[in-house]
Amino acid sequence: MVVALVMPITAAAAIRHFQGRDRDAGTVSFNARIKPGHARRVAVGFTWKNLPVRCHEGWTDTDGSFTRSMRVRHRRFHGTGRMRTQVGQVAARVTGRFTSHGKKAHGTIRVHGDFSAGATKCDTGRDHWKAHRVAA
């Protein structure tokens, strides 16, 4: 008599870290849940730092992050967030696309609004970014 044991094979999702730059001096970083070569979700905390932003009063930099995760469909993701400040509100939008094997990503980010009393009517414009997966 031959007995075969059938074990279900489940592909465990792995969290991978990505980091990169925009066209200027800014940086982006985020974590993504990857299942067998395909990104499934961008985790909470897509972060940008030192993005140049033009304000009514002149140039400055902006830092921030998203407080929600973003679903990945057909290798693409996007997210929008708003935050109230003392002088108004700031809005941010990010779009991205993973390469076919999930090792790189690229997209755009735009942050605009009134950051503070000394930084009003600010806008980064549509800023392009590229990121690659880094070893843990």
N, C-alpha and C. Protein backbone atom coordinates (compact mmCIF):
# COMPACT_ATOMS: atom_id res chain seq x y z
N MET A 1 0.85 -1.17 0.00
CA MET A 1 0.00 0.00 0.00
C MET A 1 0.90 1.24 0.00
N VAL A 2 0.57 2.21 -0.84
CA VAL A 2 1.33 3.44 -0.96
C VAL A 2 0.48 4.56 -0.39
N VAL A 3 1.05 5.30 0.53
CA VAL A 3 0.36 6.43 1.15
C VAL A 3 1.11 7.69 0.78
N ALA A 4 0.39 8.62 0.24
CA ALA A 4 1.01 9.89 -0.14
C ALA A 4 0.46 10.98 0.76
N LEU A 5 1.32 11.76 1.29
CA LEU A 5 0.90 12.91 2.10
C LEU A 5 0.89 14.14 1.21
N VAL A 6 -0.21 14.78 1.22
CA VAL A 6 -0.33 16.00 0.43
C VAL A 6 -0.34 17.17 1.39
N MET A 7 0.65 18.00 1.24
CA MET A 7 0.78 19.18 2.09
C MET A 7 0.46 20.41 1.25
N PRO A 8 -0.43 21.25 1.72
CA PRO A 8 -0.69 22.46 0.95
C PRO A 8 0.53 23.38 0.98
N ILE A 9 0.85 23.88 -0.16
CA ILE A 9 1.99 24.79 -0.25
C ILE A 9 1.44 26.21 -0.30
N THR A 10 1.79 26.97 0.69
CA THR A 10 1.34 28.36 0.73
C THR A 10 2.55 29.25 0.54
N ALA A 11 2.39 30.18 -0.27
CA ALA A 11 3.47 31.12 -0.52
C ALA A 11 3.41 32.21 0.53
N ALA A 12 4.41 32.27 1.34
CA ALA A 12 4.46 33.28 2.40
C ALA A 12 4.78 34.64 1.80
N ALA A 13 4.07 35.63 2.28
CA ALA A 13 4.33 37.00 1.83
C ALA A 13 5.55 37.53 2.57
N ALA A 14 6.39 38.22 1.88
CA ALA A 14 7.59 38.81 2.47
C ALA A 14 7.47 40.33 2.37
N ILE A 15 7.97 41.00 3.37
CA ILE A 15 8.01 42.47 3.36
C ILE A 15 9.38 42.88 2.83
N ARG A 16 9.38 43.69 1.80
CA ARG A 16 10.62 44.18 1.20
C ARG A 16 10.67 45.70 1.32
N HIS A 17 11.88 46.21 1.55
CA HIS A 17 12.08 47.65 1.70
C HIS A 17 12.60 48.23 0.39
N PHE A 18 12.03 49.38 0.00
CA PHE A 18 12.43 50.09 -1.20
C PHE A 18 12.88 51.49 -0.81
N GLN A 19 13.90 51.99 -1.48
CA GLN A 19 14.31 53.37 -1.28
C GLN A 19 14.84 53.93 -2.59
N GLY A 20 14.70 55.25 -2.72
CA GLY A 20 15.14 55.87 -3.95
C GLY A 20 15.15 57.38 -3.86
N ARG A 21 15.22 58.01 -5.04
CA ARG A 21 15.36 59.46 -5.12
C ARG A 21 14.38 60.02 -6.14
N ASP A 22 14.14 61.32 -5.98
CA ASP A 22 13.40 62.04 -7.02
C ASP A 22 14.43 62.67 -7.94
N ARG A 23 13.99 63.49 -8.87
CA ARG A 23 14.92 64.11 -9.82
C ARG A 23 15.85 65.12 -9.16
N ASP A 24 15.41 65.67 -8.03
CA ASP A 24 16.21 66.67 -7.34
C ASP A 24 16.95 65.99 -6.17
N ALA A 25 16.92 66.58 -5.01
CA ALA A 25 17.66 66.04 -3.87
C ALA A 25 16.79 65.24 -2.91
N GLY A 26 15.52 65.08 -3.21
CA GLY A 26 14.61 64.40 -2.30
C GLY A 26 14.74 62.88 -2.34
N THR A 27 14.24 62.23 -1.30
CA THR A 27 14.27 60.77 -1.22
C THR A 27 12.87 60.23 -0.94
N VAL A 28 12.64 58.99 -1.35
CA VAL A 28 11.42 58.27 -1.01
C VAL A 28 11.81 56.91 -0.45
N SER A 29 10.99 56.37 0.43
CA SER A 29 11.20 55.02 0.95
C SER A 29 9.86 54.44 1.36
N PHE A 30 9.75 53.12 1.23
CA PHE A 30 8.51 52.43 1.59
C PHE A 30 8.76 50.94 1.69
N ASN A 31 7.83 50.25 2.33
CA ASN A 31 7.83 48.80 2.42
C ASN A 31 6.68 48.27 1.58
N ALA A 32 6.89 47.11 0.98
CA ALA A 32 5.84 46.48 0.18
C ALA A 32 5.78 45.00 0.52
N ARG A 33 4.56 44.47 0.54
CA ARG A 33 4.35 43.04 0.74
C ARG A 33 4.46 42.38 -0.63
N ILE A 34 5.40 41.44 -0.74
CA ILE A 34 5.66 40.76 -2.01
C ILE A 34 5.28 39.29 -1.85
N LYS A 35 4.51 38.77 -2.79
CA LYS A 35 4.21 37.34 -2.85
C LYS A 35 4.72 36.85 -4.18
N PRO A 36 5.40 35.70 -4.20
CA PRO A 36 6.12 35.16 -5.35
C PRO A 36 6.36 36.13 -6.51
N GLY A 37 7.23 37.11 -6.26
CA GLY A 37 7.65 38.01 -7.31
C GLY A 37 6.72 39.15 -7.65
N HIS A 38 5.57 39.23 -6.99
CA HIS A 38 4.60 40.28 -7.30
C HIS A 38 4.26 41.09 -6.06
N ALA A 39 4.28 42.39 -6.18
CA ALA A 39 3.91 43.26 -5.07
C ALA A 39 2.40 43.19 -4.87
N ARG A 40 1.96 43.10 -3.63
CA ARG A 40 0.54 43.02 -3.31
C ARG A 40 0.02 44.26 -2.61
N ARG A 41 0.86 44.90 -1.77
CA ARG A 41 0.42 46.06 -1.01
C ARG A 41 1.63 46.89 -0.61
N VAL A 42 1.47 48.21 -0.69
CA VAL A 42 2.48 49.13 -0.17
C VAL A 42 2.05 49.45 1.26
N ALA A 43 2.91 49.19 2.21
CA ALA A 43 2.57 49.31 3.63
C ALA A 43 2.41 50.77 4.05
N VAL A 44 1.78 50.95 5.20
CA VAL A 44 1.66 52.27 5.82
C VAL A 44 3.06 52.85 5.96
N GLY A 45 3.21 54.12 5.66
CA GLY A 45 4.50 54.77 5.87
C GLY A 45 5.30 55.07 4.63
N PHE A 46 4.67 55.16 3.45
CA PHE A 46 5.39 55.66 2.27
C PHE A 46 5.90 57.05 2.66
N THR A 47 7.22 57.23 2.66
CA THR A 47 7.84 58.44 3.21
C THR A 47 8.62 59.20 2.16
N TRP A 48 8.54 60.52 2.23
CA TRP A 48 9.38 61.38 1.39
C TRP A 48 10.11 62.35 2.30
N LYS A 49 11.33 62.70 1.89
CA LYS A 49 12.16 63.64 2.65
C LYS A 49 12.88 64.58 1.69
N ASN A 50 12.99 65.82 2.13
CA ASN A 50 13.74 66.85 1.41
C ASN A 50 13.26 67.08 -0.03
N LEU A 51 11.96 66.95 -0.26
CA LEU A 51 11.43 67.28 -1.58
C LEU A 51 11.42 68.80 -1.73
N PRO A 52 12.05 69.34 -2.76
CA PRO A 52 12.02 70.79 -2.96
C PRO A 52 10.61 71.25 -3.29
N VAL A 53 10.18 72.31 -2.63
CA VAL A 53 8.83 72.83 -2.85
C VAL A 53 8.90 74.34 -3.00
N ARG A 54 8.20 74.85 -3.98
CA ARG A 54 8.18 76.30 -4.22
C ARG A 54 6.95 76.87 -3.53
N CYS A 55 7.17 77.86 -2.68
CA CYS A 55 6.10 78.52 -1.94
C CYS A 55 6.00 79.98 -2.40
N HIS A 56 4.94 80.63 -1.97
CA HIS A 56 4.75 82.04 -2.28
C HIS A 56 5.92 82.87 -1.76
N GLU A 57 6.47 82.44 -0.62
CA GLU A 57 7.58 83.17 0.02
C GLU A 57 8.96 82.75 -0.49
N GLY A 58 9.05 81.69 -1.30
CA GLY A 58 10.34 81.20 -1.80
C GLY A 58 10.41 79.68 -1.73
N TRP A 59 11.62 79.13 -1.88
CA TRP A 59 11.82 77.69 -1.89
C TRP A 59 12.07 77.14 -0.50
N THR A 60 11.60 75.91 -0.25
CA THR A 60 11.88 75.19 0.99
C THR A 60 11.84 73.70 0.67
N ASP A 61 11.99 72.86 1.68
CA ASP A 61 11.88 71.40 1.52
C ASP A 61 10.71 70.89 2.33
N THR A 62 10.19 69.73 1.95
CA THR A 62 9.10 69.13 2.70
C THR A 62 9.38 67.66 2.99
N ASP A 63 8.97 67.21 4.15
CA ASP A 63 9.05 65.81 4.57
C ASP A 63 7.64 65.36 4.92
N GLY A 64 7.36 64.08 4.79
CA GLY A 64 6.06 63.57 5.20
C GLY A 64 5.92 62.09 4.91
N SER A 65 4.76 61.55 5.26
CA SER A 65 4.49 60.13 5.00
C SER A 65 2.99 59.89 4.95
N PHE A 66 2.61 58.78 4.34
CA PHE A 66 1.21 58.38 4.27
C PHE A 66 0.86 57.52 5.48
N THR A 67 -0.34 57.70 5.99
CA THR A 67 -0.79 56.95 7.17
C THR A 67 -1.70 55.79 6.79
N ARG A 68 -1.81 55.50 5.50
CA ARG A 68 -2.62 54.37 5.03
C ARG A 68 -1.80 53.53 4.06
N SER A 69 -2.16 52.27 3.98
CA SER A 69 -1.51 51.40 3.00
C SER A 69 -2.16 51.60 1.64
N MET A 70 -1.51 51.11 0.60
CA MET A 70 -2.01 51.26 -0.77
C MET A 70 -2.03 49.89 -1.44
N ARG A 71 -3.14 49.52 -1.99
CA ARG A 71 -3.28 48.25 -2.69
C ARG A 71 -2.57 48.33 -4.04
N VAL A 72 -1.96 47.24 -4.43
CA VAL A 72 -1.28 47.15 -5.72
C VAL A 72 -2.14 46.31 -6.65
N ARG A 73 -2.50 46.87 -7.79
CA ARG A 73 -3.25 46.14 -8.81
C ARG A 73 -2.53 46.30 -10.13
N HIS A 74 -2.24 45.18 -10.77
CA HIS A 74 -1.54 45.19 -12.05
C HIS A 74 -0.22 45.98 -11.95
N ARG A 75 0.47 45.77 -10.83
CA ARG A 75 1.77 46.38 -10.52
C ARG A 75 1.69 47.88 -10.24
N ARG A 76 0.51 48.47 -10.19
CA ARG A 76 0.36 49.91 -9.98
C ARG A 76 -0.28 50.19 -8.61
N PHE A 77 0.09 51.34 -8.04
CA PHE A 77 -0.53 51.78 -6.79
C PHE A 77 -0.64 53.30 -6.79
N HIS A 78 -1.52 53.81 -5.95
CA HIS A 78 -1.66 55.26 -5.78
C HIS A 78 -2.29 55.54 -4.43
N GLY A 79 -2.02 56.73 -3.94
CA GLY A 79 -2.59 57.15 -2.66
C GLY A 79 -2.68 58.66 -2.57
N THR A 80 -3.65 59.11 -1.79
CA THR A 80 -3.86 60.54 -1.57
C THR A 80 -4.05 60.77 -0.09
N GLY A 81 -3.48 61.83 0.42
CA GLY A 81 -3.65 62.16 1.83
C GLY A 81 -3.77 63.66 2.04
N ARG A 82 -4.48 64.04 3.08
CA ARG A 82 -4.64 65.46 3.44
C ARG A 82 -4.35 65.62 4.92
N MET A 83 -3.81 66.80 5.25
CA MET A 83 -3.51 67.10 6.64
C MET A 83 -3.81 68.57 6.90
N ARG A 84 -4.48 68.86 7.98
CA ARG A 84 -4.76 70.26 8.34
C ARG A 84 -3.54 70.85 9.04
N THR A 85 -3.27 72.12 8.72
CA THR A 85 -2.21 72.86 9.40
C THR A 85 -2.85 74.09 10.04
N GLN A 86 -2.07 74.88 10.74
CA GLN A 86 -2.60 76.08 11.39
C GLN A 86 -3.09 77.12 10.39
N VAL A 87 -2.56 77.09 9.19
CA VAL A 87 -2.92 78.11 8.20
C VAL A 87 -3.71 77.56 7.01
N GLY A 88 -4.06 76.30 7.02
CA GLY A 88 -4.81 75.71 5.91
C GLY A 88 -4.68 74.21 5.89
N GLN A 89 -4.44 73.66 4.73
CA GLN A 89 -4.23 72.22 4.65
C GLN A 89 -3.21 71.88 3.58
N VAL A 90 -2.62 70.68 3.71
CA VAL A 90 -1.63 70.18 2.79
C VAL A 90 -2.18 68.89 2.18
N ALA A 91 -2.03 68.73 0.89
CA ALA A 91 -2.47 67.51 0.21
C ALA A 91 -1.27 66.87 -0.47
N ALA A 92 -1.26 65.54 -0.47
CA ALA A 92 -0.18 64.80 -1.12
C ALA A 92 -0.79 63.68 -1.95
N ARG A 93 -0.19 63.41 -3.10
CA ARG A 93 -0.64 62.31 -3.96
C ARG A 93 0.60 61.62 -4.50
N VAL A 94 0.58 60.29 -4.43
CA VAL A 94 1.67 59.49 -4.97
C VAL A 94 1.09 58.46 -5.92
N THR A 95 1.80 58.21 -7.00
CA THR A 95 1.48 57.11 -7.91
C THR A 95 2.74 56.30 -8.10
N GLY A 96 2.60 55.02 -8.36
CA GLY A 96 3.78 54.20 -8.56
C GLY A 96 3.47 52.96 -9.37
N ARG A 97 4.54 52.38 -9.88
CA ARG A 97 4.43 51.14 -10.64
C ARG A 97 5.67 50.30 -10.38
N PHE A 98 5.46 49.02 -10.07
CA PHE A 98 6.56 48.08 -9.87
C PHE A 98 6.98 47.49 -11.20
N THR A 99 8.25 47.11 -11.32
CA THR A 99 8.71 46.39 -12.50
C THR A 99 8.12 44.98 -12.45
N SER A 100 8.29 44.23 -13.52
CA SER A 100 7.63 42.93 -13.63
C SER A 100 8.04 41.94 -12.54
N HIS A 101 9.24 42.03 -12.01
CA HIS A 101 9.67 41.11 -10.95
C HIS A 101 9.65 41.74 -9.56
N GLY A 102 9.14 42.96 -9.46
CA GLY A 102 9.00 43.60 -8.17
C GLY A 102 10.29 44.04 -7.52
N LYS A 103 11.34 44.25 -8.29
CA LYS A 103 12.62 44.66 -7.71
C LYS A 103 12.84 46.16 -7.76
N LYS A 104 12.09 46.86 -8.61
CA LYS A 104 12.20 48.31 -8.73
C LYS A 104 10.80 48.90 -8.83
N ALA A 105 10.72 50.19 -8.58
CA ALA A 105 9.45 50.90 -8.72
C ALA A 105 9.76 52.33 -9.15
N HIS A 106 8.79 52.96 -9.79
CA HIS A 106 8.94 54.36 -10.18
C HIS A 106 7.56 54.99 -10.18
N GLY A 107 7.53 56.31 -10.11
CA GLY A 107 6.24 56.99 -10.10
C GLY A 107 6.38 58.49 -9.94
N THR A 108 5.29 59.10 -9.48
CA THR A 108 5.28 60.55 -9.27
C THR A 108 4.74 60.85 -7.88
N ILE A 109 5.11 62.01 -7.38
CA ILE A 109 4.59 62.50 -6.11
C ILE A 109 4.35 64.00 -6.25
N ARG A 110 3.28 64.47 -5.64
CA ARG A 110 2.99 65.91 -5.62
C ARG A 110 2.49 66.26 -4.23
N VAL A 111 3.09 67.28 -3.63
CA VAL A 111 2.67 67.79 -2.33
C VAL A 111 2.39 69.28 -2.51
N HIS A 112 1.22 69.73 -2.05
CA HIS A 112 0.89 71.14 -2.20
C HIS A 112 -0.03 71.60 -1.08
N GLY A 113 0.01 72.91 -0.81
CA GLY A 113 -0.84 73.49 0.22
C GLY A 113 -0.12 74.53 1.03
N ASP A 114 -0.71 74.85 2.18
CA ASP A 114 -0.16 75.85 3.10
C ASP A 114 0.47 75.13 4.29
N PHE A 115 1.80 75.10 4.34
CA PHE A 115 2.51 74.36 5.37
C PHE A 115 2.56 75.10 6.70
N SER A 116 2.84 76.40 6.65
CA SER A 116 2.95 77.20 7.88
C SER A 116 2.77 78.66 7.50
N ALA A 117 2.85 79.54 8.50
CA ALA A 117 2.69 80.97 8.23
C ALA A 117 3.77 81.48 7.28
N GLY A 118 4.95 80.90 7.31
CA GLY A 118 6.05 81.33 6.45
C GLY A 118 6.17 80.52 5.17
N ALA A 119 5.24 79.59 4.95
CA ALA A 119 5.29 78.74 3.75
C ALA A 119 3.86 78.48 3.27
N THR A 120 3.33 79.42 2.47
CA THR A 120 1.97 79.29 1.97
C THR A 120 1.97 79.14 0.45
N LYS A 121 0.90 78.63 -0.06
CA LYS A 121 0.74 78.40 -1.50
C LYS A 121 1.93 77.62 -2.06
N CYS A 122 2.26 76.53 -1.40
CA CYS A 122 3.42 75.72 -1.77
C CYS A 122 3.02 74.60 -2.72
N ASP A 123 3.94 74.20 -3.60
CA ASP A 123 3.67 73.12 -4.54
C ASP A 123 4.98 72.53 -5.04
N THR A 124 5.11 71.22 -4.95
CA THR A 124 6.29 70.55 -5.50
C THR A 124 6.17 70.36 -6.99
N GLY A 125 4.94 70.49 -7.51
CA GLY A 125 4.71 70.11 -8.89
C GLY A 125 4.71 68.58 -8.96
N ARG A 126 4.58 68.05 -10.14
CA ARG A 126 4.60 66.60 -10.30
C ARG A 126 6.05 66.14 -10.35
N ASP A 127 6.50 65.55 -9.28
CA ASP A 127 7.90 65.16 -9.11
C ASP A 127 8.06 63.67 -9.39
N HIS A 128 8.98 63.30 -10.25
CA HIS A 128 9.20 61.89 -10.60
C HIS A 128 10.22 61.27 -9.65
N TRP A 129 9.96 60.02 -9.24
CA TRP A 129 10.87 59.29 -8.35
C TRP A 129 11.13 57.89 -8.90
N LYS A 130 12.27 57.30 -8.46
CA LYS A 130 12.63 55.93 -8.78
C LYS A 130 13.15 55.30 -7.50
N ALA A 131 12.80 54.02 -7.27
CA ALA A 131 13.27 53.33 -6.08
C ALA A 131 13.65 51.89 -6.45
N HIS A 132 14.52 51.31 -5.65
CA HIS A 132 14.92 49.92 -5.85
C HIS A 132 14.83 49.18 -4.52
N ARG A 133 14.70 47.89 -4.60
CA ARG A 133 14.61 47.07 -3.40
C ARG A 133 16.00 46.97 -2.77
N VAL A 134 16.05 47.12 -1.46
CA VAL A 134 17.32 47.03 -0.75
C VAL A 134 17.31 45.81 0.16
N ALA A 135 18.48 45.25 0.36
CA ALA A 135 18.60 44.05 1.20
C ALA A 135 18.27 44.39 2.64
N ALA A 136 17.63 43.47 3.31
CA ALA A 136 17.24 43.68 4.71
C ALA A 136 18.40 43.51 5.64
